[in-house]
Every structure is written in structure tokens, then in C-alpha cells.
Amino acid sequence: MDHRMTLNDWRYQRKSLVIPVVLLVLSWQSTAQNPGGFRPPGPTQGSGPYKAVMEMDAGLPDHTVYRPEDLPALNGVKLPIVVWGNGACVNVGNAFQNFLTDISSYGYLVIALGPIVQRNPNATPPQAPVAPPRTPADTTELPRNLPPAATHPSQMIDAIHWAMAENDRAGSKYYKQLDSRKIAVMGQSCGGVQAIEVAADRRVTTAVIWNSGLFAKPTNMGGGKTLSKSDLDSIHIPMAYISGDAQDIAFNNANADFDYLTKVPAFRAYERGVGHGGTYREPNGGEFSGVGVAWLNWQLKGDARAARMFRGSDCGLCVDPKWVVRTKNIK
């Protein structure tokens, strides 16, 4: 009997789409922000068992919340907490809407840095930098021409504090609905650097670093403290690094972080034919969402079925020809 759990088994197969990073985080934005409590219509409610919504909460005005729409229907099932840092560290909580909505639909409270930013079809698209950011092959130097981070790792901590307080506050719609012992931090590109910094927090259970990794030379590109590879020594939790292939500008950074980590369970996988933009804007977040949900279900919910995607030499992603996998300390 075949015990493997492939991505096809876990989620229906979806074609990968490479998206230029400038389009991913810049081309659709305007400066109009939604007020706290506003819930705009969304293109999807996710592919999971719970229809998810995206909204802002007046108690956390600098963030965007993704949650199952019908909280009473959970019937005592508690939601683990996932905190997300955006690519380019942009202050736009709906920049990864498809991806984060889909994750939430599997039973997670997801909190993204930045408010909901309404698209203005009449806005003049921002201009790309004269010279696009680039990453040297040795992953030593910070990419050039990067704008300063518009969000900061401290906002991830704020999100954790808020969620834990809401879980304990009588009258909150999240009262006793959250599993505050199960917390993941995740982020894409610059947001992945933010997640690495916050992964040292003892309340965090696991981290998923998407299209990202630290540089050999110290940098504070994530808007927090200056980080070097030695900061990975403070990591105490299982880590997953997911990226595109060698065309992804963070490919070498992710590999170097994985090589550096020796004491914690670490998973490294990249999808062939996918670049730095990942599959986040595909319907329901594409294959990256399938991988993310499976990892979270294993790490935060103890789902043995999802674990088969990552464990063993014949793990589901290991035998998928679209993916290349490395692991250490995974049992």
C-alpha cells in the first residue's frame, strides 16, 4: 500500500504561474486604505472546508485579518494563529490575498502586516526602480536599490499580542476560539526576513520562509534589528524554506540558511519553473498554498496525513517531479 501523500492528493493540481515581483507588490496598489471593520468583497473564499473572509479590525488597525467567516460553526475547533510578512515589506495587508485567504479557509486565523489597500483603477502605476534589485550569486550583499521597509518585525509581535488578548477577552468574537499555543510566522522575500527575526520568540511553534533567506553580510532589510547568519542559532523551532528554482533571486539565500541550520528540523523545497513571484496570485494561491497548508496542518494541528508530504525519502513532495527537496532532522 502506498503511504505517500502527494500534492495532488492533498490539493487538486494547479498550473504554476511566474509573476514579476514588481507586479506582485506594486502595480495594483493605491494609497486609499479601508477603515477598521471594513470587509471588501473578495475574489475567493478559499478551497478549504471553511469559507474565509478578509477584513480589518479596529483593535489592530495596521494589519489585515483573514479568518473563517462563520466562527460559531467551528463547534469548539480552535484556530491556530499565522502571522504574515509581505514581499518587499510593503504595508499592504491584501497584497497576498488569494494565498492567505486559502490558508485561512483550512481553519487558521491569519494576520498580515498592513491594512487593506483598495485598488484605484485610475491611479498612475508607480515607476519601477531605474535599476532593479539583484542578488549576487554568493548571497553576500544586500540587493541594490531597495526601498526602506514599510513594515517591521515588531508588527508581527503586535499581531501575536493582539490575538492572544482577543482569545482571552470576554465579548471578543475570538473568545476561546484560538489556539494561542500554536503560532506560525511566515513571510515572502523581505517579509521572510521579518519572519526569521520573530521566529526566535518562544511563543512561536514553526516558521515558513517563502522566497527568502538571510545574507552572509549583516543586514536590517526587514526593518528590524540587523541580522546575520549567526542569528539563526537562536531558532528553536521547525523551519521550512520554500522558493522558486534558480531563477528566484532568493534561491541561494534559502539554500545557505538551510545549510547553516543544524539543530532544528529543517525542510527545503523549490518548485521547478517558478521564480521569485511564486504562485501566490493564482486562484487559491496555487501550489504554494497547498504546501503551506500541509506544513501548517502538520506542525500546528498534528495532522499525520499532512506530515507524509514532508517526511521520509519518499515523501509526497520528494517524489513529485515538479519539486526538489532537501531535509534535515525531519522525523
C-alpha atoms as a PDB file:
ATOM      1  CA  MET A   1       0.000   0.000   0.000  1.00  0.00           C
ATOM      2  CA  ASP A   2       1.363   3.431  -0.994  1.00  0.00           C
ATOM      3  CA  HIS A   3       1.564   5.594   2.143  1.00  0.00           C
ATOM      4  CA  ARG A   4       2.839   8.713   0.431  1.00  0.00           C
ATOM      5  CA  MET A   5       0.885  11.935   0.415  1.00  0.00           C
ATOM      6  CA  THR A   6       1.466  13.875  -2.788  1.00  0.00           C
ATOM      7  CA  LEU A   7       0.456  17.425  -3.511  1.00  0.00           C
ATOM      8  CA  ASN A   8      -2.103  16.048  -5.978  1.00  0.00           C
ATOM      9  CA  ASP A   9      -3.627  14.018  -3.170  1.00  0.00           C
ATOM     10  CA  TRP A  10      -3.578  16.917  -0.729  1.00  0.00           C
ATOM     11  CA  ARG A  11      -4.939  19.541  -3.061  1.00  0.00           C
ATOM     12  CA  TYR A  12      -6.070  19.489  -6.667  1.00  0.00           C
ATOM     13  CA  GLN A  13      -3.271  20.148  -9.165  1.00  0.00           C
ATOM     14  CA  ARG A  14      -2.965  23.712 -10.399  1.00  0.00           C
ATOM     15  CA  LYS A  15      -0.705  25.183 -13.014  1.00  0.00           C
ATOM     16  CA  SER A  16       2.141  27.327 -11.678  1.00  0.00           C
ATOM     17  CA  LEU A  17       2.384  30.934 -12.776  1.00  0.00           C
ATOM     18  CA  VAL A  18       5.527  33.036 -12.638  1.00  0.00           C
ATOM     19  CA  ILE A  19       4.686  36.643 -11.709  1.00  0.00           C
ATOM     20  CA  PRO A  20       7.170  39.504 -11.862  1.00  0.00           C
ATOM     21  CA  VAL A  21       7.780  40.701  -8.321  1.00  0.00           C
ATOM     22  CA  VAL A  22       7.091  44.322  -9.283  1.00  0.00           C
ATOM     23  CA  LEU A  23       3.580  43.360 -10.385  1.00  0.00           C
ATOM     24  CA  LEU A  24       3.116  41.262  -7.276  1.00  0.00           C
ATOM     25  CA  VAL A  25       3.605  44.061  -4.788  1.00  0.00           C
ATOM     26  CA  LEU A  26       3.283  47.340  -6.635  1.00  0.00           C
ATOM     27  CA  SER A  27       1.264  47.564  -9.808  1.00  0.00           C
ATOM     28  CA  TRP A  28      -2.243  47.386  -8.325  1.00  0.00           C
ATOM     29  CA  GLN A  29      -1.855  49.491  -5.226  1.00  0.00           C
ATOM     30  CA  SER A  30      -3.261  52.887  -4.430  1.00  0.00           C
ATOM     31  CA  THR A  31      -2.997  54.931  -1.275  1.00  0.00           C
ATOM     32  CA  ALA A  32      -6.673  54.550  -0.314  1.00  0.00           C
ATOM     33  CA  GLN A  33      -6.994  52.417   2.799  1.00  0.00           C
ATOM     34  CA  ASN A  34     -10.043  50.741   4.237  1.00  0.00           C
ATOM     35  CA  PRO A  35     -11.121  51.726   7.760  1.00  0.00           C
ATOM     36  CA  GLY A  36     -11.096  49.237  10.602  1.00  0.00           C
ATOM     37  CA  GLY A  37     -14.011  46.833  10.437  1.00  0.00           C
ATOM     38  CA  PHE A  38     -14.413  47.200   6.675  1.00  0.00           C
ATOM     39  CA  ARG A  39     -14.747  43.964   4.708  1.00  0.00           C
ATOM     40  CA  PRO A  40     -14.380  44.383   0.944  1.00  0.00           C
ATOM     41  CA  PRO A  41     -15.704  41.753  -1.444  1.00  0.00           C
ATOM     42  CA  GLY A  42     -13.072  39.146  -2.249  1.00  0.00           C
ATOM     43  CA  PRO A  43     -12.490  37.091  -5.386  1.00  0.00           C
ATOM     44  CA  THR A  44     -12.265  33.863  -3.397  1.00  0.00           C
ATOM     45  CA  GLN A  45     -13.194  32.407  -0.050  1.00  0.00           C
ATOM     46  CA  GLY A  46     -10.595  29.646  -0.284  1.00  0.00           C
ATOM     47  CA  SER A  47     -10.647  25.970  -1.191  1.00  0.00           C
ATOM     48  CA  GLY A  48     -10.808  24.654   2.376  1.00  0.00           C
ATOM     49  CA  PRO A  49     -13.752  23.498   4.480  1.00  0.00           C
ATOM     50  CA  TYR A  50     -14.368  26.955   5.971  1.00  0.00           C
ATOM     51  CA  LYS A  51     -15.336  29.938   3.841  1.00  0.00           C
ATOM     52  CA  ALA A  52     -12.816  32.621   4.728  1.00  0.00           C
ATOM     53  CA  VAL A  53     -13.126  36.392   4.808  1.00  0.00           C
ATOM     54  CA  MET A  54     -10.603  39.222   4.775  1.00  0.00           C
ATOM     55  CA  GLU A  55     -11.263  42.216   6.994  1.00  0.00           C
ATOM     56  CA  MET A  56      -9.761  44.850   9.218  1.00  0.00           C
ATOM     57  CA  ASP A  57     -10.296  45.055  12.961  1.00  0.00           C
ATOM     58  CA  ALA A  58     -10.453  48.361  14.808  1.00  0.00           C
ATOM     59  CA  GLY A  59      -8.315  46.867  17.562  1.00  0.00           C
ATOM     60  CA  LEU A  60      -5.482  46.134  15.110  1.00  0.00           C
ATOM     61  CA  PRO A  61      -5.705  48.929  12.507  1.00  0.00           C
ATOM     62  CA  ASP A  62      -2.280  48.382  10.948  1.00  0.00           C
ATOM     63  CA  HIS A  63      -2.990  44.774   9.975  1.00  0.00           C
ATOM     64  CA  THR A  64      -5.354  42.707   7.856  1.00  0.00           C
ATOM     65  CA  VAL A  65      -7.154  39.687   9.303  1.00  0.00           C
ATOM     66  CA  TYR A  66      -8.163  36.536   7.409  1.00  0.00           C
ATOM     67  CA  ARG A  67     -10.496  34.158   9.239  1.00  0.00           C
ATOM     68  CA  PRO A  68     -13.259  31.601   8.739  1.00  0.00           C
ATOM     69  CA  GLU A  69     -16.445  33.568   8.199  1.00  0.00           C
ATOM     70  CA  ASP A  70     -18.713  31.529  10.472  1.00  0.00           C
ATOM     71  CA  LEU A  71     -16.826  31.287  13.761  1.00  0.00           C
ATOM     72  CA  PRO A  72     -19.713  29.675  15.725  1.00  0.00           C
ATOM     73  CA  ALA A  73     -19.759  26.864  13.149  1.00  0.00           C
ATOM     74  CA  LEU A  74     -16.290  25.797  14.316  1.00  0.00           C
ATOM     75  CA  ASN A  75     -18.040  23.942  17.147  1.00  0.00           C
ATOM     76  CA  GLY A  76     -15.121  24.136  19.519  1.00  0.00           C
ATOM     77  CA  VAL A  77     -12.374  23.681  16.929  1.00  0.00           C
ATOM     78  CA  LYS A  78      -9.697  26.212  17.842  1.00  0.00           C
ATOM     79  CA  LEU A  79      -7.852  28.214  15.197  1.00  0.00           C
ATOM     80  CA  PRO A  80      -4.045  28.281  15.263  1.00  0.00           C
ATOM     81  CA  ILE A  81      -2.512  31.705  14.596  1.00  0.00           C
ATOM     82  CA  VAL A  82      -0.452  32.533  11.499  1.00  0.00           C
ATOM     83  CA  VAL A  83       1.313  35.898  11.140  1.00  0.00           C
ATOM     84  CA  TRP A  84       2.450  37.025   7.676  1.00  0.00           C
ATOM     85  CA  GLY A  85       5.070  39.492   6.402  1.00  0.00           C
ATOM     86  CA  ASN A  86       4.639  40.775   2.847  1.00  0.00           C
ATOM     87  CA  GLY A  87       7.095  40.673  -0.020  1.00  0.00           C
ATOM     88  CA  ALA A  88       9.133  43.887  -0.250  1.00  0.00           C
ATOM     89  CA  CYS A  89       7.902  44.540   3.332  1.00  0.00           C
ATOM     90  CA  VAL A  90       5.057  46.564   1.810  1.00  0.00           C
ATOM     91  CA  ASN A  91       2.369  47.981   4.068  1.00  0.00           C
ATOM     92  CA  VAL A  92      -0.480  46.263   2.206  1.00  0.00           C
ATOM     93  CA  GLY A  93      -2.343  43.533   4.039  1.00  0.00           C
ATOM     94  CA  ASN A  94      -4.145  42.280   0.939  1.00  0.00           C
ATOM     95  CA  ALA A  95      -1.048  42.001  -1.266  1.00  0.00           C
ATOM     96  CA  PHE A  96      -1.218  38.186  -0.930  1.00  0.00           C
ATOM     97  CA  GLN A  97      -4.986  37.920  -0.648  1.00  0.00           C
ATOM     98  CA  ASN A  98      -5.561  34.733  -2.659  1.00  0.00           C
ATOM     99  CA  PHE A  99      -2.825  32.848  -0.832  1.00  0.00           C
ATOM    100  CA  LEU A 100      -3.734  33.966   2.687  1.00  0.00           C
ATOM    101  CA  THR A 101      -7.490  33.545   2.184  1.00  0.00           C
ATOM    102  CA  ASP A 102      -6.913  29.972   1.091  1.00  0.00           C
ATOM    103  CA  ILE A 103      -4.772  29.180   4.128  1.00  0.00           C
ATOM    104  CA  SER A 104      -7.393  30.676   6.441  1.00  0.00           C
ATOM    105  CA  SER A 105     -10.097  28.531   4.840  1.00  0.00           C
ATOM    106  CA  TYR A 106      -8.408  25.455   6.305  1.00  0.00           C
ATOM    107  CA  GLY A 107      -9.037  26.681   9.823  1.00  0.00           C
ATOM    108  CA  TYR A 108      -6.486  29.387  10.662  1.00  0.00           C
ATOM    109  CA  LEU A 109      -6.541  32.941  11.907  1.00  0.00           C
ATOM    110  CA  VAL A 110      -4.095  34.669   9.556  1.00  0.00           C
ATOM    111  CA  ILE A 111      -2.864  38.183  10.317  1.00  0.00           C
ATOM    112  CA  ALA A 112      -0.945  40.056   7.612  1.00  0.00           C
ATOM    113  CA  LEU A 113       1.088  43.196   8.166  1.00  0.00           C
ATOM    114  CA  GLY A 114      -0.501  46.311   6.702  1.00  0.00           C
ATOM    115  CA  PRO A 115      -4.089  47.494   6.202  1.00  0.00           C
ATOM    116  CA  ILE A 116      -6.346  46.623   3.296  1.00  0.00           C
ATOM    117  CA  VAL A 117      -5.480  48.911   0.394  1.00  0.00           C
ATOM    118  CA  GLN A 118      -8.199  49.484  -2.172  1.00  0.00           C
ATOM    119  CA  ARG A 119      -7.274  49.262  -5.794  1.00  0.00           C
ATOM    120  CA  ASN A 120      -7.749  52.506  -7.674  1.00  0.00           C
ATOM    121  CA  PRO A 121      -8.095  51.743 -11.409  1.00  0.00           C
ATOM    122  CA  ASN A 122      -7.445  55.419 -12.247  1.00  0.00           C
ATOM    123  CA  ALA A 123      -4.229  55.644 -10.260  1.00  0.00           C
ATOM    124  CA  THR A 124      -0.976  56.115 -12.133  1.00  0.00           C
ATOM    125  CA  PRO A 125       1.085  52.932 -11.717  1.00  0.00           C
ATOM    126  CA  PRO A 126       4.269  53.546  -9.735  1.00  0.00           C
ATOM    127  CA  GLN A 127       7.524  53.510 -11.602  1.00  0.00           C
ATOM    128  CA  ALA A 128       9.944  50.639 -11.192  1.00  0.00           C
ATOM    129  CA  PRO A 129      13.444  51.482  -9.952  1.00  0.00           C
ATOM    130  CA  VAL A 130      15.910  52.600 -12.603  1.00  0.00           C
ATOM    131  CA  ALA A 131      17.981  49.518 -11.812  1.00  0.00           C
ATOM    132  CA  PRO A 132      16.008  46.530 -10.492  1.00  0.00           C
ATOM    133  CA  PRO A 133      17.114  44.849  -7.283  1.00  0.00           C
ATOM    134  CA  ARG A 134      19.503  41.979  -7.817  1.00  0.00           C
ATOM    135  CA  THR A 135      21.061  39.340  -5.621  1.00  0.00           C
ATOM    136  CA  PRO A 136      24.711  38.334  -6.147  1.00  0.00           C
ATOM    137  CA  ALA A 137      25.335  34.659  -6.700  1.00  0.00           C
ATOM    138  CA  ASP A 138      27.216  34.363  -3.406  1.00  0.00           C
ATOM    139  CA  THR A 139      24.276  35.769  -1.385  1.00  0.00           C
ATOM    140  CA  THR A 140      26.724  38.066   0.398  1.00  0.00           C
ATOM    141  CA  GLU A 141      25.462  41.548  -0.392  1.00  0.00           C
ATOM    142  CA  LEU A 142      22.067  43.145   0.038  1.00  0.00           C
ATOM    143  CA  PRO A 143      20.229  43.784  -3.274  1.00  0.00           C
ATOM    144  CA  ARG A 144      20.730  47.305  -4.528  1.00  0.00           C
ATOM    145  CA  ASN A 145      18.057  49.991  -4.920  1.00  0.00           C
ATOM    146  CA  LEU A 146      15.692  48.502  -2.342  1.00  0.00           C
ATOM    147  CA  PRO A 147      13.288  50.988  -0.741  1.00  0.00           C
ATOM    148  CA  PRO A 148      13.229  51.084   3.070  1.00  0.00           C
ATOM    149  CA  ALA A 149      10.923  48.584   4.742  1.00  0.00           C
ATOM    150  CA  ALA A 150       7.409  49.973   5.216  1.00  0.00           C
ATOM    151  CA  THR A 151       6.589  47.340   7.853  1.00  0.00           C
ATOM    152  CA  HIS A 152       8.592  45.983  10.760  1.00  0.00           C
ATOM    153  CA  PRO A 153       9.005  42.704  12.671  1.00  0.00           C
ATOM    154  CA  SER A 154       7.603  44.402  15.770  1.00  0.00           C
ATOM    155  CA  GLN A 155       4.228  44.416  13.984  1.00  0.00           C
ATOM    156  CA  MET A 156       4.342  40.616  13.940  1.00  0.00           C
ATOM    157  CA  ILE A 157       4.785  40.688  17.700  1.00  0.00           C
ATOM    158  CA  ASP A 158       1.882  43.161  17.918  1.00  0.00           C
ATOM    159  CA  ALA A 159      -0.285  40.692  15.982  1.00  0.00           C
ATOM    160  CA  ILE A 160       0.590  37.851  18.357  1.00  0.00           C
ATOM    161  CA  HIS A 161      -0.154  40.004  21.394  1.00  0.00           C
ATOM    162  CA  TRP A 162      -3.492  41.107  19.935  1.00  0.00           C
ATOM    163  CA  ALA A 163      -4.611  37.594  19.002  1.00  0.00           C
ATOM    164  CA  MET A 164      -3.737  36.192  22.417  1.00  0.00           C
ATOM    165  CA  ALA A 165      -5.545  39.056  24.145  1.00  0.00           C
ATOM    166  CA  GLU A 166      -8.635  38.628  21.951  1.00  0.00           C
ATOM    167  CA  ASN A 167      -8.726  34.930  22.759  1.00  0.00           C
ATOM    168  CA  ASP A 168      -8.898  35.794  26.460  1.00  0.00           C
ATOM    169  CA  ARG A 169     -11.240  38.797  26.224  1.00  0.00           C
ATOM    170  CA  ALA A 170     -14.856  38.070  27.071  1.00  0.00           C
ATOM    171  CA  GLY A 171     -17.025  39.645  24.391  1.00  0.00           C
ATOM    172  CA  SER A 172     -14.467  39.193  21.631  1.00  0.00           C
ATOM    173  CA  LYS A 173     -15.625  37.193  18.636  1.00  0.00           C
ATOM    174  CA  TYR A 174     -12.414  35.210  19.085  1.00  0.00           C
ATOM    175  CA  TYR A 175     -13.060  34.452  22.768  1.00  0.00           C
ATOM    176  CA  LYS A 176     -11.728  30.936  23.425  1.00  0.00           C
ATOM    177  CA  GLN A 177     -11.725  30.341  19.644  1.00  0.00           C
ATOM    178  CA  LEU A 178      -7.941  30.481  19.133  1.00  0.00           C
ATOM    179  CA  ASP A 179      -5.165  28.046  19.944  1.00  0.00           C
ATOM    180  CA  SER A 180      -2.637  30.502  21.321  1.00  0.00           C
ATOM    181  CA  ARG A 181      -0.145  27.676  21.926  1.00  0.00           C
ATOM    182  CA  LYS A 182       0.140  27.079  18.184  1.00  0.00           C
ATOM    183  CA  ILE A 183       1.603  30.066  16.325  1.00  0.00           C
ATOM    184  CA  ALA A 184       3.371  30.222  12.968  1.00  0.00           C
ATOM    185  CA  VAL A 185       5.256  33.118  11.421  1.00  0.00           C
ATOM    186  CA  MET A 186       5.639  33.280   7.659  1.00  0.00           C
ATOM    187  CA  GLY A 187       6.708  35.812   5.070  1.00  0.00           C
ATOM    188  CA  GLN A 188       7.741  36.244   1.471  1.00  0.00           C
ATOM    189  CA  SER A 189      11.059  37.786   0.384  1.00  0.00           C
ATOM    190  CA  CYS A 190      11.653  40.800   2.677  1.00  0.00           C
ATOM    191  CA  GLY A 191       8.763  39.549   4.804  1.00  0.00           C
ATOM    192  CA  GLY A 192      10.586  36.263   5.146  1.00  0.00           C
ATOM    193  CA  VAL A 193      13.470  38.101   6.804  1.00  0.00           C
ATOM    194  CA  GLN A 194      10.958  39.593   9.242  1.00  0.00           C
ATOM    195  CA  ALA A 195       9.638  36.096   9.986  1.00  0.00           C
ATOM    196  CA  ILE A 196      13.172  34.819  10.659  1.00  0.00           C
ATOM    197  CA  GLU A 197      13.691  37.535  13.264  1.00  0.00           C
ATOM    198  CA  VAL A 198      10.394  36.795  15.009  1.00  0.00           C
ATOM    199  CA  ALA A 199      10.945  33.013  14.855  1.00  0.00           C
ATOM    200  CA  ALA A 200      13.221  33.404  17.890  1.00  0.00           C
ATOM    201  CA  ASP A 201      10.173  34.297  20.010  1.00  0.00           C
ATOM    202  CA  ARG A 202       9.476  31.410  22.388  1.00  0.00           C
ATOM    203  CA  ARG A 203       5.741  31.539  21.683  1.00  0.00           C
ATOM    204  CA  VAL A 204       6.273  30.644  18.025  1.00  0.00           C
ATOM    205  CA  THR A 205       5.788  26.997  17.022  1.00  0.00           C
ATOM    206  CA  THR A 206       7.085  26.962  13.446  1.00  0.00           C
ATOM    207  CA  ALA A 207       8.163  29.288  10.622  1.00  0.00           C
ATOM    208  CA  VAL A 208       7.819  29.094   6.847  1.00  0.00           C
ATOM    209  CA  ILE A 209      10.181  31.291   4.862  1.00  0.00           C
ATOM    210  CA  TRP A 210       8.984  31.897   1.300  1.00  0.00           C
ATOM    211  CA  ASN A 211      11.390  33.047  -1.462  1.00  0.00           C
ATOM    212  CA  SER A 212      13.749  34.368   1.171  1.00  0.00           C
ATOM    213  CA  GLY A 213      16.773  33.882   3.400  1.00  0.00           C
ATOM    214  CA  LEU A 214      19.445  35.887   5.168  1.00  0.00           C
ATOM    215  CA  PHE A 215      22.548  37.328   3.564  1.00  0.00           C
ATOM    216  CA  ALA A 216      26.093  36.417   4.580  1.00  0.00           C
ATOM    217  CA  LYS A 217      26.723  40.055   5.419  1.00  0.00           C
ATOM    218  CA  PRO A 218      24.594  41.579   8.218  1.00  0.00           C
ATOM    219  CA  THR A 219      21.521  43.487   7.079  1.00  0.00           C
ATOM    220  CA  ASN A 220      18.409  45.123   8.526  1.00  0.00           C
ATOM    221  CA  MET A 221      16.454  44.938   5.257  1.00  0.00           C
ATOM    222  CA  GLY A 222      13.401  43.633   7.170  1.00  0.00           C
ATOM    223  CA  GLY A 223      13.072  46.874   9.099  1.00  0.00           C
ATOM    224  CA  GLY A 224      14.060  45.307  12.415  1.00  0.00           C
ATOM    225  CA  LYS A 225      17.376  44.531  14.004  1.00  0.00           C
ATOM    226  CA  THR A 226      20.498  43.847  11.968  1.00  0.00           C
ATOM    227  CA  LEU A 227      20.560  40.121  11.219  1.00  0.00           C
ATOM    228  CA  SER A 228      23.434  37.849  10.245  1.00  0.00           C
ATOM    229  CA  LYS A 229      23.617  34.094   9.742  1.00  0.00           C
ATOM    230  CA  SER A 230      24.565  33.700  13.398  1.00  0.00           C
ATOM    231  CA  ASP A 231      21.052  34.857  14.332  1.00  0.00           C
ATOM    232  CA  LEU A 232      19.818  31.526  13.024  1.00  0.00           C
ATOM    233  CA  ASP A 233      21.441  29.988  16.107  1.00  0.00           C
ATOM    234  CA  SER A 234      18.544  31.373  18.168  1.00  0.00           C
ATOM    235  CA  ILE A 235      15.965  29.423  16.148  1.00  0.00           C
ATOM    236  CA  HIS A 236      14.349  26.690  18.261  1.00  0.00           C
ATOM    237  CA  ILE A 237      11.512  25.535  16.004  1.00  0.00           C
ATOM    238  CA  PRO A 238      10.987  23.554  12.773  1.00  0.00           C
ATOM    239  CA  MET A 239      11.763  25.711   9.731  1.00  0.00           C
ATOM    240  CA  ALA A 240      10.602  25.344   6.133  1.00  0.00           C
ATOM    241  CA  TYR A 241      12.159  27.269   3.232  1.00  0.00           C
ATOM    242  CA  ILE A 242      10.029  27.261   0.060  1.00  0.00           C
ATOM    243  CA  SER A 243      11.035  29.056  -3.140  1.00  0.00           C
ATOM    244  CA  GLY A 244      11.188  29.020  -6.886  1.00  0.00           C
ATOM    245  CA  ASP A 245      14.136  27.488  -8.724  1.00  0.00           C
ATOM    246  CA  ALA A 246      17.482  29.103  -9.564  1.00  0.00           C
ATOM    247  CA  GLN A 247      15.735  31.991 -11.356  1.00  0.00           C
ATOM    248  CA  ASP A 248      14.388  33.067  -7.941  1.00  0.00           C
ATOM    249  CA  ILE A 249      16.668  35.844  -6.661  1.00  0.00           C
ATOM    250  CA  ALA A 250      16.418  34.385  -3.141  1.00  0.00           C
ATOM    251  CA  PHE A 251      17.240  30.807  -4.201  1.00  0.00           C
ATOM    252  CA  ASN A 252      20.822  30.883  -2.915  1.00  0.00           C
ATOM    253  CA  ASN A 253      19.855  32.684   0.296  1.00  0.00           C
ATOM    254  CA  ALA A 254      17.347  29.955   1.165  1.00  0.00           C
ATOM    255  CA  ASN A 255      19.894  27.250   0.396  1.00  0.00           C
ATOM    256  CA  ALA A 256      22.523  28.934   2.571  1.00  0.00           C
ATOM    257  CA  ASP A 257      20.144  29.268   5.524  1.00  0.00           C
ATOM    258  CA  PHE A 258      19.186  25.611   5.227  1.00  0.00           C
ATOM    259  CA  ASP A 259      22.852  24.604   5.141  1.00  0.00           C
ATOM    260  CA  TYR A 260      23.556  26.716   8.237  1.00  0.00           C
ATOM    261  CA  LEU A 261      20.771  25.221  10.332  1.00  0.00           C
ATOM    262  CA  THR A 262      21.917  22.066  12.118  1.00  0.00           C
ATOM    263  CA  LYS A 263      19.999  21.754  15.396  1.00  0.00           C
ATOM    264  CA  VAL A 264      16.355  22.094  14.367  1.00  0.00           C
ATOM    265  CA  PRO A 265      14.157  20.238  11.881  1.00  0.00           C
ATOM    266  CA  ALA A 266      14.560  21.969   8.525  1.00  0.00           C
ATOM    267  CA  PHE A 267      12.786  21.456   5.210  1.00  0.00           C
ATOM    268  CA  ARG A 268      13.936  22.979   1.933  1.00  0.00           C
ATOM    269  CA  ALA A 269      11.952  22.711  -1.296  1.00  0.00           C
ATOM    270  CA  TYR A 270      11.720  24.606  -4.548  1.00  0.00           C
ATOM    271  CA  GLU A 271       9.363  24.277  -7.484  1.00  0.00           C
ATOM    272  CA  ARG A 272      10.827  23.946 -10.953  1.00  0.00           C
ATOM    273  CA  GLY A 273       9.865  26.649 -13.444  1.00  0.00           C
ATOM    274  CA  VAL A 274       8.782  29.109 -10.757  1.00  0.00           C
ATOM    275  CA  GLY A 275      10.527  32.383  -9.975  1.00  0.00           C
ATOM    276  CA  HIS A 276      10.538  34.871  -7.122  1.00  0.00           C
ATOM    277  CA  GLY A 277       6.862  35.711  -7.610  1.00  0.00           C
ATOM    278  CA  GLY A 278       5.789  32.204  -6.613  1.00  0.00           C
ATOM    279  CA  THR A 279       2.201  31.122  -7.227  1.00  0.00           C
ATOM    280  CA  TYR A 280       0.567  33.443  -4.704  1.00  0.00           C
ATOM    281  CA  ARG A 281      -1.719  35.196  -7.193  1.00  0.00           C
ATOM    282  CA  GLU A 282      -3.053  32.042  -8.765  1.00  0.00           C
ATOM    283  CA  PRO A 283      -6.558  31.012  -7.794  1.00  0.00           C
ATOM    284  CA  ASN A 284      -6.442  29.941  -4.161  1.00  0.00           C
ATOM    285  CA  GLY A 285      -2.715  30.681  -4.008  1.00  0.00           C
ATOM    286  CA  GLY A 286      -1.548  27.970  -6.399  1.00  0.00           C
ATOM    287  CA  GLU A 287       0.695  25.104  -5.348  1.00  0.00           C
ATOM    288  CA  PHE A 288       2.492  27.222  -2.765  1.00  0.00           C
ATOM    289  CA  SER A 289      -0.740  27.374  -0.777  1.00  0.00           C
ATOM    290  CA  GLY A 290      -1.099  23.595  -0.911  1.00  0.00           C
ATOM    291  CA  VAL A 291       2.394  23.178   0.504  1.00  0.00           C
ATOM    292  CA  GLY A 292       1.804  25.869   3.140  1.00  0.00           C
ATOM    293  CA  VAL A 293      -1.477  24.363   4.338  1.00  0.00           C
ATOM    294  CA  ALA A 294       0.053  20.887   4.595  1.00  0.00           C
ATOM    295  CA  TRP A 295       3.034  22.161   6.617  1.00  0.00           C
ATOM    296  CA  LEU A 296       0.798  24.141   8.972  1.00  0.00           C
ATOM    297  CA  ASN A 297      -1.611  21.233   9.385  1.00  0.00           C
ATOM    298  CA  TRP A 298       1.305  19.016  10.369  1.00  0.00           C
ATOM    299  CA  GLN A 299       3.117  21.460  12.630  1.00  0.00           C
ATOM    300  CA  LEU A 300       0.156  23.225  14.239  1.00  0.00           C
ATOM    301  CA  LYS A 301      -2.557  20.555  14.159  1.00  0.00           C
ATOM    302  CA  GLY A 302      -0.545  17.328  14.350  1.00  0.00           C
ATOM    303  CA  ASP A 303      -2.041  16.020  11.097  1.00  0.00           C
ATOM    304  CA  ALA A 304      -0.169  12.779  10.324  1.00  0.00           C
ATOM    305  CA  ARG A 305      -1.633  12.666   6.827  1.00  0.00           C
ATOM    306  CA  ALA A 306      -0.186  16.087   6.009  1.00  0.00           C
ATOM    307  CA  ALA A 307       3.172  15.065   7.502  1.00  0.00           C
ATOM    308  CA  ARG A 308       3.595  12.470   4.755  1.00  0.00           C
ATOM    309  CA  MET A 309       4.126  15.322   2.301  1.00  0.00           C
ATOM    310  CA  PHE A 310       7.413  16.126   4.067  1.00  0.00           C
ATOM    311  CA  ARG A 311       8.692  13.075   5.939  1.00  0.00           C
ATOM    312  CA  GLY A 312      10.885  10.298   4.573  1.00  0.00           C
ATOM    313  CA  SER A 313      12.920   9.845   1.410  1.00  0.00           C
ATOM    314  CA  ASP A 314       9.709   9.061  -0.481  1.00  0.00           C
ATOM    315  CA  CYS A 315       7.707  11.991   0.902  1.00  0.00           C
ATOM    316  CA  GLY A 316       4.982  13.411  -1.289  1.00  0.00           C
ATOM    317  CA  LEU A 317       6.986  16.420  -2.451  1.00  0.00           C
ATOM    318  CA  CYS A 318      10.148  14.295  -2.692  1.00  0.00           C
ATOM    319  CA  VAL A 319       8.639  12.132  -5.437  1.00  0.00           C
ATOM    320  CA  ASP A 320       6.867  14.976  -7.244  1.00  0.00           C
ATOM    321  CA  PRO A 321       8.893  15.761 -10.409  1.00  0.00           C
ATOM    322  CA  LYS A 322       7.954  19.441 -10.170  1.00  0.00           C
ATOM    323  CA  TRP A 323       9.682  19.783  -6.802  1.00  0.00           C
ATOM    324  CA  VAL A 324      13.224  19.396  -5.464  1.00  0.00           C
ATOM    325  CA  VAL A 325      13.541  18.643  -1.747  1.00  0.00           C
ATOM    326  CA  ARG A 326      16.200  18.550   0.960  1.00  0.00           C
ATOM    327  CA  THR A 327      15.588  17.770   4.631  1.00  0.00           C
ATOM    328  CA  LYS A 328      17.463  17.505   7.921  1.00  0.00           C
ATOM    329  CA  ASN A 329      16.335  16.406  11.368  1.00  0.00           C
ATOM    330  CA  ILE A 330      12.868  15.638   9.994  1.00  0.00           C
ATOM    331  CA  LYS A 331      11.418  12.610  11.781  1.00  0.00           C
END
